C-alpha cells in the first residue's frame, strides 16, 4: 500500500467521525432543549385535526423571552372501537 492511500483512508475516517459526532451531539441537544410535545390528533371522519400542546418543563416561563422553542411532534389517530368508545393509537 502506498502512503497516499493510507493518508486518504485516515482523512475519510476523520470526516466520518466528525459527521457522526455532530449527529450524536445534535440528538442529545434536541432532547435536552425540548420544552414539550405537540400532539396532532386526526379523526377518521371528515373532522380537521386537533392540536394539543403538552408542556414538560415546570419552569416554562423562563422560555417566554425566546423567539423559538423546540417541541417534539407526535401524530395520533383516533379510531372507533367495536363498543363505540374511542381509543388513541400512535401512528407510525
N, C-alpha and C. Protein backbone atom coordinates (compact mmCIF):
# COMPACT_ATOMS: atom_id res chain seq x y z
N UNK A 1 0.84 -1.19 0.00
CA UNK A 1 0.00 0.00 0.00
C UNK A 1 0.88 1.25 0.00
N UNK A 2 0.44 2.20 -0.75
CA UNK A 2 1.24 3.43 -0.79
C UNK A 2 0.82 4.34 0.36
N UNK A 3 1.67 5.26 0.68
CA UNK A 3 1.43 6.20 1.78
C UNK A 3 0.26 7.12 1.46
N UNK A 4 0.02 7.42 0.19
CA UNK A 4 -1.09 8.30 -0.21
C UNK A 4 -2.44 7.63 0.08
N UNK A 5 -2.49 6.32 -0.14
CA UNK A 5 -3.72 5.58 0.13
C UNK A 5 -4.03 5.57 1.63
N UNK A 6 -3.02 5.40 2.46
CA UNK A 6 -3.20 5.40 3.91
C UNK A 6 -3.65 6.77 4.39
N UNK A 7 -3.06 7.82 3.87
CA UNK A 7 -3.45 9.19 4.23
C UNK A 7 -4.90 9.45 3.82
N UNK A 8 -5.28 8.98 2.65
CA UNK A 8 -6.66 9.14 2.18
C UNK A 8 -7.65 8.42 3.11
N UNK A 9 -7.31 7.18 3.52
CA UNK A 9 -8.18 6.45 4.44
C UNK A 9 -8.29 7.15 5.79
N UNK A 10 -7.21 7.70 6.30
CA UNK A 10 -7.23 8.41 7.57
C UNK A 10 -8.11 9.66 7.46
N UNK A 11 -7.99 10.39 6.36
CA UNK A 11 -8.82 11.58 6.15
C UNK A 11 -10.30 11.22 6.07
N UNK A 12 -10.62 10.15 5.38
CA UNK A 12 -12.02 9.71 5.27
C UNK A 12 -12.55 9.31 6.65
N UNK A 13 -11.73 8.61 7.43
CA UNK A 13 -12.15 8.21 8.78
C UNK A 13 -12.38 9.43 9.67
N UNK A 14 -11.55 10.44 9.55
CA UNK A 14 -11.72 11.66 10.35
C UNK A 14 -13.01 12.38 9.96
N UNK A 15 -13.30 12.49 8.68
CA UNK A 15 -14.52 13.15 8.22
C UNK A 15 -15.76 12.39 8.68
N UNK A 16 -15.74 11.06 8.57
CA UNK A 16 -16.87 10.25 9.03
C UNK A 16 -17.05 10.38 10.54
N UNK A 17 -15.98 10.35 11.29
CA UNK A 17 -16.06 10.51 12.74
C UNK A 17 -16.58 11.88 13.13
N UNK A 18 -16.17 12.92 12.44
CA UNK A 18 -16.65 14.27 12.70
C UNK A 18 -18.15 14.37 12.43
N UNK A 19 -18.59 13.81 11.31
CA UNK A 19 -20.02 13.84 10.98
C UNK A 19 -20.85 13.06 11.98
N UNK A 20 -20.37 11.90 12.38
CA UNK A 20 -21.08 11.09 13.38
C UNK A 20 -21.16 11.82 14.71
N UNK A 21 -20.09 12.49 15.11
CA UNK A 21 -20.08 13.25 16.36
C UNK A 21 -21.08 14.40 16.34
N UNK A 22 -21.16 15.12 15.23
CA UNK A 22 -22.13 16.20 15.10
C UNK A 22 -23.55 15.65 15.19
N UNK A 23 -23.81 14.52 14.57
CA UNK A 23 -25.13 13.89 14.60
C UNK A 23 -25.53 13.53 16.03
N UNK A 24 -24.64 12.90 16.78
CA UNK A 24 -24.93 12.49 18.16
C UNK A 24 -25.14 13.71 19.05
N UNK A 25 -24.32 14.73 18.91
CA UNK A 25 -24.46 15.94 19.73
C UNK A 25 -25.78 16.64 19.43
N UNK A 26 -26.19 16.68 18.17
CA UNK A 26 -27.46 17.35 17.85
C UNK A 26 -28.65 16.58 18.43
N UNK A 27 -28.61 15.25 18.43
CA UNK A 27 -29.69 14.47 19.03
C UNK A 27 -29.75 14.72 20.53
N UNK A 28 -28.63 14.70 21.21
CA UNK A 28 -28.62 14.93 22.65
C UNK A 28 -29.06 16.35 22.99
N UNK A 29 -28.65 17.33 22.20
CA UNK A 29 -29.05 18.71 22.45
C UNK A 29 -30.56 18.88 22.25
N UNK A 30 -31.12 18.25 21.21
CA UNK A 30 -32.55 18.37 20.97
C UNK A 30 -33.37 17.74 22.09
N UNK A 31 -32.91 16.62 22.66
CA UNK A 31 -33.61 16.02 23.79
C UNK A 31 -33.58 16.94 25.00
N UNK A 32 -32.45 17.57 25.22
CA UNK A 32 -32.28 18.43 26.39
C UNK A 32 -33.08 19.72 26.26
N UNK A 33 -33.14 20.31 25.08
CA UNK A 33 -33.76 21.61 24.90
C UNK A 33 -35.25 21.55 24.59
N UNK A 34 -35.81 20.38 24.41
CA UNK A 34 -37.23 20.27 24.11
C UNK A 34 -38.05 20.69 25.33
N UNK A 35 -39.06 21.55 25.10
CA UNK A 35 -39.88 22.03 26.21
C UNK A 35 -41.21 21.30 26.32
N UNK A 36 -41.52 20.41 25.37
CA UNK A 36 -42.78 19.68 25.44
C UNK A 36 -43.10 18.95 24.16
N UNK A 37 -44.36 18.53 24.06
CA UNK A 37 -44.82 17.79 22.88
C UNK A 37 -45.97 18.53 22.22
N UNK A 38 -46.01 18.46 20.92
CA UNK A 38 -47.14 18.94 20.14
C UNK A 38 -47.84 17.70 19.58
N UNK A 39 -49.06 17.44 20.05
CA UNK A 39 -49.79 16.26 19.62
C UNK A 39 -50.80 16.65 18.55
N UNK A 40 -50.74 15.98 17.41
CA UNK A 40 -51.68 16.20 16.32
C UNK A 40 -52.56 14.96 16.26
N UNK A 41 -53.85 15.14 16.54
CA UNK A 41 -54.78 14.02 16.60
C UNK A 41 -55.78 14.15 15.47
N UNK A 42 -55.82 13.15 14.61
CA UNK A 42 -56.69 13.13 13.44
C UNK A 42 -57.77 12.08 13.66
N UNK A 43 -59.02 12.48 13.41
CA UNK A 43 -60.14 11.56 13.49
C UNK A 43 -60.29 10.90 12.12
N UNK A 44 -60.89 9.72 12.08
CA UNK A 44 -61.08 9.03 10.82
C UNK A 44 -62.14 9.70 9.95
N UNK A 45 -62.99 10.51 10.56
CA UNK A 45 -64.08 11.14 9.82
C UNK A 45 -63.62 12.35 9.03
N UNK A 46 -64.55 13.24 8.78
CA UNK A 46 -64.29 14.45 7.99
C UNK A 46 -63.73 15.60 8.83
N UNK A 47 -63.59 15.41 10.14
CA UNK A 47 -63.12 16.48 11.01
C UNK A 47 -61.69 16.86 10.71
N UNK A 48 -61.38 18.12 10.98
CA UNK A 48 -59.99 18.58 10.85
C UNK A 48 -59.19 18.07 12.04
N UNK A 49 -57.87 18.01 11.93
CA UNK A 49 -57.05 17.52 13.05
C UNK A 49 -57.11 18.46 14.25
N UNK A 50 -57.00 17.88 15.43
CA UNK A 50 -56.92 18.64 16.67
C UNK A 50 -55.45 18.72 17.08
N UNK A 51 -55.05 19.87 17.65
CA UNK A 51 -53.67 20.06 18.07
C UNK A 51 -53.65 20.37 19.56
N UNK A 52 -52.82 19.64 20.30
CA UNK A 52 -52.67 19.84 21.74
C UNK A 52 -51.20 20.08 22.05
N UNK A 53 -50.94 20.99 23.00
CA UNK A 53 -49.59 21.28 23.45
C UNK A 53 -49.43 20.73 24.86
N UNK A 54 -48.45 19.86 25.04
CA UNK A 54 -48.16 19.28 26.35
C UNK A 54 -46.79 19.77 26.79
N UNK A 55 -46.76 20.61 27.82
CA UNK A 55 -45.51 21.21 28.30
C UNK A 55 -44.90 20.28 29.34
N UNK A 56 -43.62 19.96 29.17
CA UNK A 56 -42.96 19.03 30.09
C UNK A 56 -41.99 19.72 31.05
N UNK A 57 -41.69 20.98 30.81
CA UNK A 57 -40.77 21.71 31.69
C UNK A 57 -41.58 22.48 32.74
N UNK A 58 -41.25 22.32 34.03
CA UNK A 58 -42.01 23.05 35.05
C UNK A 58 -41.74 24.56 35.04
N UNK A 59 -40.59 24.97 34.56
CA UNK A 59 -40.23 26.39 34.53
C UNK A 59 -40.41 26.97 33.13
N UNK A 60 -41.57 26.76 32.54
CA UNK A 60 -41.83 27.18 31.16
C UNK A 60 -41.78 28.70 31.01
N UNK A 61 -42.02 29.45 32.08
CA UNK A 61 -42.00 30.91 31.98
C UNK A 61 -40.60 31.44 31.69
N UNK A 62 -39.57 30.65 31.92
CA UNK A 62 -38.21 31.07 31.59
C UNK A 62 -38.01 31.18 30.08
N UNK A 63 -38.86 30.51 29.30
CA UNK A 63 -38.71 30.48 27.86
C UNK A 63 -39.54 31.56 27.17
N UNK A 64 -40.26 32.39 27.90
CA UNK A 64 -41.14 33.37 27.27
C UNK A 64 -40.38 34.47 26.53
N UNK A 65 -39.12 34.69 26.85
CA UNK A 65 -38.34 35.71 26.15
C UNK A 65 -37.72 35.18 24.85
N UNK A 66 -37.78 33.88 24.63
CA UNK A 66 -37.22 33.29 23.40
C UNK A 66 -38.17 33.48 22.23
N UNK A 67 -37.58 33.62 21.05
CA UNK A 67 -38.39 33.68 19.84
C UNK A 67 -38.85 32.30 19.40
N UNK A 68 -38.01 31.28 19.64
CA UNK A 68 -38.30 29.92 19.19
C UNK A 68 -38.08 28.94 20.34
N UNK A 69 -38.87 27.89 20.37
CA UNK A 69 -38.66 26.77 21.30
C UNK A 69 -38.75 25.48 20.50
N UNK A 70 -38.24 24.41 21.07
CA UNK A 70 -38.22 23.11 20.40
C UNK A 70 -39.29 22.21 20.99
N UNK A 71 -40.15 21.65 20.13
CA UNK A 71 -41.21 20.74 20.55
C UNK A 71 -41.06 19.42 19.80
N UNK A 72 -41.37 18.33 20.47
CA UNK A 72 -41.44 17.03 19.81
C UNK A 72 -42.84 16.88 19.23
N UNK A 73 -42.95 16.41 18.01
CA UNK A 73 -44.25 16.25 17.37
C UNK A 73 -44.67 14.79 17.43
N UNK A 74 -45.90 14.56 17.87
CA UNK A 74 -46.43 13.20 17.97
C UNK A 74 -47.77 13.17 17.24
N UNK A 75 -47.88 12.30 16.25
CA UNK A 75 -49.12 12.17 15.48
C UNK A 75 -49.92 10.99 16.02
N UNK A 76 -51.17 11.25 16.33
CA UNK A 76 -52.06 10.20 16.85
C UNK A 76 -53.29 10.12 15.97
N UNK A 77 -53.91 8.95 15.97
CA UNK A 77 -55.14 8.76 15.20
C UNK A 77 -56.19 8.13 16.12
N UNK A 78 -57.36 8.75 16.19
CA UNK A 78 -58.46 8.19 16.97
C UNK A 78 -59.22 7.21 16.10
N UNK A 79 -59.47 6.05 16.63
CA UNK A 79 -60.22 5.04 15.88
C UNK A 79 -61.39 4.56 16.72
N UNK A 80 -62.46 4.32 16.06
CA UNK A 80 -63.65 3.80 16.73
C UNK A 80 -63.42 2.32 17.05
N UNK A 81 -63.65 1.97 18.31
CA UNK A 81 -63.58 0.55 18.65
C UNK A 81 -64.97 -0.06 18.46
N UNK A 82 -65.08 -1.35 18.64
CA UNK A 82 -66.36 -2.04 18.39
C UNK A 82 -67.45 -1.62 19.37
N UNK A 83 -67.07 -1.23 20.60
CA UNK A 83 -68.08 -0.87 21.58
C UNK A 83 -68.46 0.62 21.53
N UNK A 84 -67.91 1.36 20.60
CA UNK A 84 -68.29 2.76 20.43
C UNK A 84 -67.40 3.75 21.13
N UNK A 85 -66.53 3.31 22.02
CA UNK A 85 -65.63 4.27 22.65
C UNK A 85 -64.41 4.50 21.76
N UNK A 86 -63.78 5.63 21.93
CA UNK A 86 -62.62 5.97 21.10
C UNK A 86 -61.33 5.62 21.84
N UNK A 87 -60.42 5.05 21.11
CA UNK A 87 -59.10 4.72 21.67
C UNK A 87 -58.05 5.48 20.87
N UNK A 88 -57.02 5.95 21.55
CA UNK A 88 -55.93 6.67 20.90
C UNK A 88 -54.81 5.69 20.60
N UNK A 89 -54.39 5.64 19.35
CA UNK A 89 -53.27 4.78 18.97
C UNK A 89 -52.25 5.62 18.24
N UNK A 90 -50.99 5.33 18.44
CA UNK A 90 -49.93 6.08 17.80
C UNK A 90 -49.80 5.66 16.35
N UNK A 91 -49.64 6.65 15.48
CA UNK A 91 -49.47 6.39 14.05
C UNK A 91 -48.01 6.49 13.73
N UNK A 92 -47.44 5.43 13.19
CA UNK A 92 -46.00 5.43 12.87
C UNK A 92 -45.80 5.32 11.39
